[in-house]
Amino acid sequence: MLAIIGGSGLTQLANLNIIRQEVVRTPYGEPSGALTFGHLCAQPVVFLARHGYGHTIPPHKVNYQANLWALQQAKAEAIISVASVGGIRADMGPGVLVVPDQIIDYTWGRKSTFFEGGDGQVVHVDFTQPYDQALRARILRAVEAAGETAIDGGVYAATQGPRLETAAEINRLERDGADVVGMTGMPEAVLARELGIPYAAINVVVNYAAGRADSAQHISFDSIEAVLLQAMGRVRRVLDHLCEA
């Protein structure tokens, strides 16, 4: 079963043929909301809105452990994350889709592992390639099948939020090698790795990051909403083709 985690702009899948919803309890507390089960292109899918179905949970308050554990309990065989980001690199402007291949984690204070030590042994997981390569390739095939375009590869900088970054902070991220910036990519990706579930992402660039292009002086939230509305329609078309990719 394919799992889809929807971020800002994708709190529901209009093209999902819904069968049922299920409230899941986990040892790590409550997930962001009920799991929605259905079919997408005849493929079984489970959907979860990362920020809650009313978009009420800020990035630093998302219970990532509960979300990933719930998807594992639902027997998810792969997870695709959809998330809005700011573009740092010049060719990653509003409306561009990016399938990232690397992450830099700047978050702090989040529950970021299932292996807390204590009674169990210390466990380390390999995170050299944070996104599953086969699943990334599947997404890119779906992009092509949908007649869309996406940038293959990019470094995702995960910041704490919920505030946006300063121009100086974006300059620092660029020096570090980041191409896009978001607030939810970690610890989501590493928790999926700890559970052994293939994980990849579709990033939707909704604005240039602070200090860049038309965000040189300030970021327009009205423009972000307009880009989200258009771009998420394209993402839904890509997801429609995933079962064929």
C-alpha atoms as a PDB file:
ATOM      1  CA  MET A   1       0.000   0.000   0.000  1.00  0.00           C
ATOM      2  CA  LEU A   2       1.241   3.473  -0.908  1.00  0.00           C
ATOM      3  CA  ALA A   3       1.104   6.168   1.780  1.00  0.00           C
ATOM      4  CA  ILE A   4       0.881   9.854   0.921  1.00  0.00           C
ATOM      5  CA  ILE A   5       1.581  12.550   3.516  1.00  0.00           C
ATOM      6  CA  GLY A   6       0.104  15.854   2.415  1.00  0.00           C
ATOM      7  CA  GLY A   7       1.506  19.166   3.589  1.00  0.00           C
ATOM      8  CA  SER A   8       0.326  22.745   3.154  1.00  0.00           C
ATOM      9  CA  GLY A   9      -2.050  22.929   0.203  1.00  0.00           C
ATOM     10  CA  LEU A  10      -2.730  19.183   0.193  1.00  0.00           C
ATOM     11  CA  THR A  11      -4.877  18.484   3.240  1.00  0.00           C
ATOM     12  CA  GLN A  12      -7.063  16.149   1.195  1.00  0.00           C
ATOM     13  CA  LEU A  13      -6.852  14.183  -2.037  1.00  0.00           C
ATOM     14  CA  ALA A  14      -9.822  15.117  -4.207  1.00  0.00           C
ATOM     15  CA  ASN A  15      -8.947  12.337  -6.654  1.00  0.00           C
ATOM     16  CA  LEU A  16      -8.884   9.631  -3.967  1.00  0.00           C
ATOM     17  CA  ASN A  17     -11.749   7.145  -4.085  1.00  0.00           C
ATOM     18  CA  ILE A  18     -12.286   6.986  -0.310  1.00  0.00           C
ATOM     19  CA  ILE A  19     -13.244   3.690   1.288  1.00  0.00           C
ATOM     20  CA  ARG A  20     -12.923   4.472   4.981  1.00  0.00           C
ATOM     21  CA  GLN A  21     -11.235   6.573   7.630  1.00  0.00           C
ATOM     22  CA  GLU A  22      -9.577   5.173  10.715  1.00  0.00           C
ATOM     23  CA  VAL A  23      -8.520   6.815  13.958  1.00  0.00           C
ATOM     24  CA  VAL A  24      -5.236   5.215  15.017  1.00  0.00           C
ATOM     25  CA  ARG A  25      -3.676   5.124  18.486  1.00  0.00           C
ATOM     26  CA  THR A  26       0.094   4.763  18.780  1.00  0.00           C
ATOM     27  CA  PRO A  27       2.615   4.350  21.611  1.00  0.00           C
ATOM     28  CA  TYR A  28       3.830   7.840  20.674  1.00  0.00           C
ATOM     29  CA  GLY A  29       0.535   9.661  21.009  1.00  0.00           C
ATOM     30  CA  GLU A  30      -1.960  10.935  18.470  1.00  0.00           C
ATOM     31  CA  PRO A  31      -1.149  11.251  14.769  1.00  0.00           C
ATOM     32  CA  SER A  32      -2.064  14.465  12.965  1.00  0.00           C
ATOM     33  CA  GLY A  33      -5.465  13.032  12.104  1.00  0.00           C
ATOM     34  CA  ALA A  34      -7.386   9.985  11.008  1.00  0.00           C
ATOM     35  CA  LEU A  35      -5.917   7.860   8.237  1.00  0.00           C
ATOM     36  CA  THR A  36      -7.928   7.997   5.009  1.00  0.00           C
ATOM     37  CA  PHE A  37      -7.943   4.758   3.013  1.00  0.00           C
ATOM     38  CA  GLY A  38      -8.965   4.533  -0.614  1.00  0.00           C
ATOM     39  CA  HIS A  39      -7.846   3.896  -4.164  1.00  0.00           C
ATOM     40  CA  LEU A  40      -5.891   6.047  -6.585  1.00  0.00           C
ATOM     41  CA  CYS A  41      -5.875   4.625 -10.124  1.00  0.00           C
ATOM     42  CA  ALA A  42      -7.091   1.336  -8.617  1.00  0.00           C
ATOM     43  CA  GLN A  43      -4.046   1.240  -6.299  1.00  0.00           C
ATOM     44  CA  PRO A  44      -4.680   1.081  -2.549  1.00  0.00           C
ATOM     45  CA  VAL A  45      -3.570   4.287  -0.855  1.00  0.00           C
ATOM     46  CA  VAL A  46      -3.565   5.654   2.676  1.00  0.00           C
ATOM     47  CA  PHE A  47      -3.505   9.421   3.075  1.00  0.00           C
ATOM     48  CA  LEU A  48      -2.547  11.535   6.089  1.00  0.00           C
ATOM     49  CA  ALA A  49      -2.669  15.334   6.358  1.00  0.00           C
ATOM     50  CA  ARG A  50       0.579  16.297   8.094  1.00  0.00           C
ATOM     51  CA  HIS A  51      -0.804  19.489   9.613  1.00  0.00           C
ATOM     52  CA  GLY A  52      -4.237  18.058  10.398  1.00  0.00           C
ATOM     53  CA  TYR A  53      -7.263  18.187   8.134  1.00  0.00           C
ATOM     54  CA  GLY A  54      -7.970  21.753   9.222  1.00  0.00           C
ATOM     55  CA  HIS A  55      -4.299  22.732   8.833  1.00  0.00           C
ATOM     56  CA  THR A  56      -4.004  23.550  12.540  1.00  0.00           C
ATOM     57  CA  ILE A  57      -0.710  21.879  13.522  1.00  0.00           C
ATOM     58  CA  PRO A  58       2.461  23.959  12.980  1.00  0.00           C
ATOM     59  CA  PRO A  59       5.614  22.211  11.715  1.00  0.00           C
ATOM     60  CA  HIS A  60       7.390  22.091  15.077  1.00  0.00           C
ATOM     61  CA  LYS A  61       4.305  20.586  16.766  1.00  0.00           C
ATOM     62  CA  VAL A  62       3.664  17.765  14.293  1.00  0.00           C
ATOM     63  CA  ASN A  63       3.880  14.386  16.025  1.00  0.00           C
ATOM     64  CA  TYR A  64       6.169  12.818  13.425  1.00  0.00           C
ATOM     65  CA  GLN A  65       6.722   9.668  15.481  1.00  0.00           C
ATOM     66  CA  ALA A  66       2.982   8.980  15.754  1.00  0.00           C
ATOM     67  CA  ASN A  67       2.402   9.748  12.080  1.00  0.00           C
ATOM     68  CA  LEU A  68       5.070   7.351  10.839  1.00  0.00           C
ATOM     69  CA  TRP A  69       4.154   4.656  13.332  1.00  0.00           C
ATOM     70  CA  ALA A  70       0.502   4.872  12.276  1.00  0.00           C
ATOM     71  CA  LEU A  71       1.453   4.462   8.615  1.00  0.00           C
ATOM     72  CA  GLN A  72       3.583   1.448   9.470  1.00  0.00           C
ATOM     73  CA  GLN A  73       0.643  -0.061  11.361  1.00  0.00           C
ATOM     74  CA  ALA A  74      -1.469   0.540   8.245  1.00  0.00           C
ATOM     75  CA  LYS A  75       1.067  -1.613   6.340  1.00  0.00           C
ATOM     76  CA  ALA A  76       2.377   1.201   4.164  1.00  0.00           C
ATOM     77  CA  GLU A  77       4.999  -0.191   1.788  1.00  0.00           C
ATOM     78  CA  ALA A  78       6.220   3.219   0.594  1.00  0.00           C
ATOM     79  CA  ILE A  79       5.685   6.821   1.665  1.00  0.00           C
ATOM     80  CA  ILE A  80       5.546   9.883  -0.562  1.00  0.00           C
ATOM     81  CA  SER A  81       5.768  13.239   1.163  1.00  0.00           C
ATOM     82  CA  VAL A  82       4.264  16.305  -0.511  1.00  0.00           C
ATOM     83  CA  ALA A  83       5.506  19.584   0.938  1.00  0.00           C
ATOM     84  CA  SER A  84       5.676  23.253  -0.011  1.00  0.00           C
ATOM     85  CA  VAL A  85       9.118  24.884   0.048  1.00  0.00           C
ATOM     86  CA  GLY A  86      10.918  28.123  -0.647  1.00  0.00           C
ATOM     87  CA  GLY A  87      13.334  28.220  -3.548  1.00  0.00           C
ATOM     88  CA  ILE A  88      16.942  29.181  -2.879  1.00  0.00           C
ATOM     89  CA  ARG A  89      18.479  28.193  -6.197  1.00  0.00           C
ATOM     90  CA  ALA A  90      17.665  30.567  -9.060  1.00  0.00           C
ATOM     91  CA  ASP A  91      15.998  27.918 -11.227  1.00  0.00           C
ATOM     92  CA  MET A  92      13.757  26.785  -8.360  1.00  0.00           C
ATOM     93  CA  GLY A  93      11.150  29.516  -8.516  1.00  0.00           C
ATOM     94  CA  PRO A  94       7.425  29.550  -7.711  1.00  0.00           C
ATOM     95  CA  GLY A  95       5.510  26.696  -9.315  1.00  0.00           C
ATOM     96  CA  VAL A  96       8.517  24.438  -9.861  1.00  0.00           C
ATOM     97  CA  LEU A  97       8.313  20.824  -8.691  1.00  0.00           C
ATOM     98  CA  VAL A  98      11.450  19.334  -7.158  1.00  0.00           C
ATOM     99  CA  VAL A  99      12.202  15.702  -6.298  1.00  0.00           C
ATOM    100  CA  PRO A 100      15.007  16.214  -3.750  1.00  0.00           C
ATOM    101  CA  ASP A 101      17.812  13.749  -3.181  1.00  0.00           C
ATOM    102  CA  GLN A 102      19.513  15.167  -0.070  1.00  0.00           C
ATOM    103  CA  ILE A 103      18.648  16.819   3.257  1.00  0.00           C
ATOM    104  CA  ILE A 104      20.379  19.130   5.705  1.00  0.00           C
ATOM    105  CA  ASP A 105      18.689  19.166   9.106  1.00  0.00           C
ATOM    106  CA  TYR A 106      18.566  22.443  11.059  1.00  0.00           C
ATOM    107  CA  THR A 107      15.656  21.483  13.322  1.00  0.00           C
ATOM    108  CA  TRP A 108      16.000  21.113  17.071  1.00  0.00           C
ATOM    109  CA  GLY A 109      14.024  19.697  19.985  1.00  0.00           C
ATOM    110  CA  ARG A 110      11.910  17.363  17.864  1.00  0.00           C
ATOM    111  CA  LYS A 111      11.451  13.694  18.712  1.00  0.00           C
ATOM    112  CA  SER A 112      13.658  12.375  15.942  1.00  0.00           C
ATOM    113  CA  THR A 113      14.168   8.667  16.630  1.00  0.00           C
ATOM    114  CA  PHE A 114      12.366   5.523  17.722  1.00  0.00           C
ATOM    115  CA  PHE A 115      15.616   4.303  19.285  1.00  0.00           C
ATOM    116  CA  GLU A 116      15.821   6.209  22.563  1.00  0.00           C
ATOM    117  CA  GLY A 117      18.226   3.816  24.260  1.00  0.00           C
ATOM    118  CA  GLY A 118      17.329   2.771  27.796  1.00  0.00           C
ATOM    119  CA  ASP A 119      16.399  -0.897  27.859  1.00  0.00           C
ATOM    120  CA  GLY A 120      17.274  -1.482  24.202  1.00  0.00           C
ATOM    121  CA  GLN A 121      20.599  -1.433  22.390  1.00  0.00           C
ATOM    122  CA  VAL A 122      21.981   1.672  20.744  1.00  0.00           C
ATOM    123  CA  VAL A 123      20.895   1.630  17.076  1.00  0.00           C
ATOM    124  CA  HIS A 124      22.336   3.658  14.213  1.00  0.00           C
ATOM    125  CA  VAL A 125      20.752   3.776  10.764  1.00  0.00           C
ATOM    126  CA  ASP A 126      22.522   4.605   7.526  1.00  0.00           C
ATOM    127  CA  PHE A 127      21.223   7.924   6.164  1.00  0.00           C
ATOM    128  CA  THR A 128      23.766   8.563   3.410  1.00  0.00           C
ATOM    129  CA  GLN A 129      20.950   8.662   0.854  1.00  0.00           C
ATOM    130  CA  PRO A 130      17.947   9.982   2.807  1.00  0.00           C
ATOM    131  CA  TYR A 131      15.436   9.394   0.012  1.00  0.00           C
ATOM    132  CA  ASP A 132      14.766   5.985  -1.484  1.00  0.00           C
ATOM    133  CA  GLN A 133      16.239   5.981  -4.982  1.00  0.00           C
ATOM    134  CA  ALA A 134      13.757   3.520  -6.507  1.00  0.00           C
ATOM    135  CA  LEU A 135      10.818   5.534  -5.170  1.00  0.00           C
ATOM    136  CA  ARG A 136      12.344   8.770  -6.473  1.00  0.00           C
ATOM    137  CA  ALA A 137      12.635   7.163  -9.911  1.00  0.00           C
ATOM    138  CA  ARG A 138       9.010   6.087  -9.697  1.00  0.00           C
ATOM    139  CA  ILE A 139       7.944   9.651  -8.946  1.00  0.00           C
ATOM    140  CA  LEU A 140       9.952  10.996 -11.868  1.00  0.00           C
ATOM    141  CA  ARG A 141       8.352   8.469 -14.214  1.00  0.00           C
ATOM    142  CA  ALA A 142       4.944   9.578 -12.961  1.00  0.00           C
ATOM    143  CA  VAL A 143       5.883  13.220 -13.574  1.00  0.00           C
ATOM    144  CA  GLU A 144       6.738  12.392 -17.183  1.00  0.00           C
ATOM    145  CA  ALA A 145       3.599  10.279 -17.643  1.00  0.00           C
ATOM    146  CA  ALA A 146       1.483  13.177 -16.359  1.00  0.00           C
ATOM    147  CA  GLY A 147       3.052  15.533 -18.889  1.00  0.00           C
ATOM    148  CA  GLU A 148       4.604  17.608 -16.111  1.00  0.00           C
ATOM    149  CA  THR A 149       8.171  18.643 -15.398  1.00  0.00           C
ATOM    150  CA  ALA A 150      10.209  18.410 -12.201  1.00  0.00           C
ATOM    151  CA  ILE A 151      13.801  19.030 -11.238  1.00  0.00           C
ATOM    152  CA  ASP A 152      15.557  15.750 -10.517  1.00  0.00           C
ATOM    153  CA  GLY A 153      17.596  16.253  -7.349  1.00  0.00           C
ATOM    154  CA  GLY A 154      18.170  19.036  -4.893  1.00  0.00           C
ATOM    155  CA  VAL A 155      19.197  19.623  -1.297  1.00  0.00           C
ATOM    156  CA  TYR A 156      16.328  20.232   1.113  1.00  0.00           C
ATOM    157  CA  ALA A 157      17.123  22.358   4.173  1.00  0.00           C
ATOM    158  CA  ALA A 158      14.796  21.525   7.073  1.00  0.00           C
ATOM    159  CA  THR A 159      14.366  24.521   9.407  1.00  0.00           C
ATOM    160  CA  GLN A 160      12.529  24.717  12.691  1.00  0.00           C
ATOM    161  CA  GLY A 161       9.718  27.155  11.876  1.00  0.00           C
ATOM    162  CA  PRO A 162       7.034  28.184  12.154  1.00  0.00           C
ATOM    163  CA  ARG A 163       8.484  31.555  11.198  1.00  0.00           C
ATOM    164  CA  LEU A 164      10.093  31.979   7.818  1.00  0.00           C
ATOM    165  CA  GLU A 165      13.818  32.607   7.557  1.00  0.00           C
ATOM    166  CA  THR A 166      15.762  35.851   7.426  1.00  0.00           C
ATOM    167  CA  ALA A 167      17.638  36.797   4.275  1.00  0.00           C
ATOM    168  CA  ALA A 168      20.913  36.209   6.146  1.00  0.00           C
ATOM    169  CA  GLU A 169      19.794  32.735   7.169  1.00  0.00           C
ATOM    170  CA  ILE A 170      18.969  31.902   3.560  1.00  0.00           C
ATOM    171  CA  ASN A 171      22.437  33.121   2.560  1.00  0.00           C
ATOM    172  CA  ARG A 172      23.865  30.723   5.119  1.00  0.00           C
ATOM    173  CA  LEU A 173      21.758  27.826   3.809  1.00  0.00           C
ATOM    174  CA  GLU A 174      22.951  28.568   0.284  1.00  0.00           C
ATOM    175  CA  ARG A 175      26.586  28.501   1.444  1.00  0.00           C
ATOM    176  CA  ASP A 176      25.842  25.157   3.086  1.00  0.00           C
ATOM    177  CA  GLY A 177      24.656  23.810  -0.260  1.00  0.00           C
ATOM    178  CA  ALA A 178      20.870  23.940   0.182  1.00  0.00           C
ATOM    179  CA  ASP A 179      18.609  24.430  -2.844  1.00  0.00           C
ATOM    180  CA  VAL A 180      15.175  24.631  -1.197  1.00  0.00           C
ATOM    181  CA  VAL A 181      13.986  25.284   2.344  1.00  0.00           C
ATOM    182  CA  GLY A 182      11.080  23.780   4.262  1.00  0.00           C
ATOM    183  CA  MET A 183      10.054  22.911   7.801  1.00  0.00           C
ATOM    184  CA  THR A 184       8.743  19.332   7.774  1.00  0.00           C
ATOM    185  CA  GLY A 185      11.267  17.126   5.967  1.00  0.00           C
ATOM    186  CA  MET A 186      12.908  16.121   9.231  1.00  0.00           C
ATOM    187  CA  PRO A 187      12.559  14.031  11.289  1.00  0.00           C
ATOM    188  CA  GLU A 188       9.932  12.538   8.981  1.00  0.00           C
ATOM    189  CA  ALA A 189      12.478  11.097   6.549  1.00  0.00           C
ATOM    190  CA  VAL A 190      14.726   9.503   9.155  1.00  0.00           C
ATOM    191  CA  LEU A 191      11.812   8.003  11.089  1.00  0.00           C
ATOM    192  CA  ALA A 192      10.668   6.306   7.884  1.00  0.00           C
ATOM    193  CA  ARG A 193      14.216   4.983   7.440  1.00  0.00           C
ATOM    194  CA  GLU A 194      14.234   3.607  10.992  1.00  0.00           C
ATOM    195  CA  LEU A 195      10.992   1.774  10.250  1.00  0.00           C
ATOM    196  CA  GLY A 196      12.385   0.420   6.996  1.00  0.00           C
ATOM    197  CA  ILE A 197       9.746   2.120   4.813  1.00  0.00           C
ATOM    198  CA  PRO A 198      10.942   3.586   1.486  1.00  0.00           C
ATOM    199  CA  TYR A 199      10.394   7.360   1.557  1.00  0.00           C
ATOM    200  CA  ALA A 200      10.679  10.080  -1.078  1.00  0.00           C
ATOM    201  CA  ALA A 201       9.333  13.600  -1.545  1.00  0.00           C
ATOM    202  CA  ILE A 202       7.700  15.923  -4.023  1.00  0.00           C
ATOM    203  CA  ASN A 203       8.560  19.516  -3.129  1.00  0.00           C
ATOM    204  CA  VAL A 204       6.400  22.315  -4.483  1.00  0.00           C
ATOM    205  CA  VAL A 205       8.230  25.645  -4.641  1.00  0.00           C
ATOM    206  CA  VAL A 206       5.668  28.280  -3.628  1.00  0.00           C
ATOM    207  CA  ASN A 207       7.950  31.302  -3.282  1.00  0.00           C
ATOM    208  CA  TYR A 208      11.534  32.410  -3.578  1.00  0.00           C
ATOM    209  CA  ALA A 209      13.216  32.224  -0.183  1.00  0.00           C
ATOM    210  CA  ALA A 210      13.874  35.402   1.793  1.00  0.00           C
ATOM    211  CA  GLY A 211      16.205  37.842   0.061  1.00  0.00           C
ATOM    212  CA  ARG A 212      15.788  36.187  -3.346  1.00  0.00           C
ATOM    213  CA  ALA A 213      14.155  37.653  -6.501  1.00  0.00           C
ATOM    214  CA  ASP A 214      10.651  38.959  -5.719  1.00  0.00           C
ATOM    215  CA  SER A 215      11.168  38.008  -2.043  1.00  0.00           C
ATOM    216  CA  ALA A 216      14.109  40.430  -1.753  1.00  0.00           C
ATOM    217  CA  GLN A 217      12.282  42.700   0.699  1.00  0.00           C
ATOM    218  CA  HIS A 218       9.357  40.599   1.882  1.00  0.00           C
ATOM    219  CA  ILE A 219       7.424  37.420   1.066  1.00  0.00           C
ATOM    220  CA  SER A 220       3.899  37.770  -0.315  1.00  0.00           C
ATOM    221  CA  PHE A 221       1.545  35.272   1.297  1.00  0.00           C
ATOM    222  CA  ASP A 222      -1.183  36.120  -1.212  1.00  0.00           C
ATOM    223  CA  SER A 223       1.148  34.995  -4.001  1.00  0.00           C
ATOM    224  CA  ILE A 224       1.950  31.783  -2.121  1.00  0.00           C
ATOM    225  CA  GLU A 225      -1.748  30.850  -1.945  1.00  0.00           C
ATOM    226  CA  ALA A 226      -2.169  31.390  -5.685  1.00  0.00           C
ATOM    227  CA  VAL A 227       0.871  29.250  -6.506  1.00  0.00           C
ATOM    228  CA  LEU A 228      -0.247  26.497  -4.114  1.00  0.00           C
ATOM    229  CA  LEU A 229      -3.681  26.281  -5.699  1.00  0.00           C
ATOM    230  CA  GLN A 230      -2.248  25.829  -9.192  1.00  0.00           C
ATOM    231  CA  ALA A 231       0.732  23.652  -8.314  1.00  0.00           C
ATOM    232  CA  MET A 232      -1.139  21.172  -6.124  1.00  0.00           C
ATOM    233  CA  GLY A 233      -3.424  20.431  -9.059  1.00  0.00           C
ATOM    234  CA  ARG A 234      -0.311  19.388 -10.965  1.00  0.00           C
ATOM    235  CA  VAL A 235       0.848  17.278  -8.021  1.00  0.00           C
ATOM    236  CA  ARG A 236      -2.500  15.486  -7.977  1.00  0.00           C
ATOM    237  CA  ARG A 237      -2.046  14.620 -11.658  1.00  0.00           C
ATOM    238  CA  VAL A 238       1.389  13.202 -10.858  1.00  0.00           C
ATOM    239  CA  LEU A 239      -0.037  11.134  -8.019  1.00  0.00           C
ATOM    240  CA  ASP A 240      -2.732   9.844 -10.382  1.00  0.00           C
ATOM    241  CA  HIS A 241       0.016   8.367 -12.565  1.00  0.00           C
ATOM    242  CA  LEU A 242       2.044   6.807  -9.764  1.00  0.00           C
ATOM    243  CA  CYS A 243       0.260   3.493 -10.057  1.00  0.00           C
ATOM    244  CA  GLU A 244       1.339   3.311 -13.691  1.00  0.00           C
ATOM    245  CA  ALA A 245       4.952   4.432 -13.165  1.00  0.00           C
END
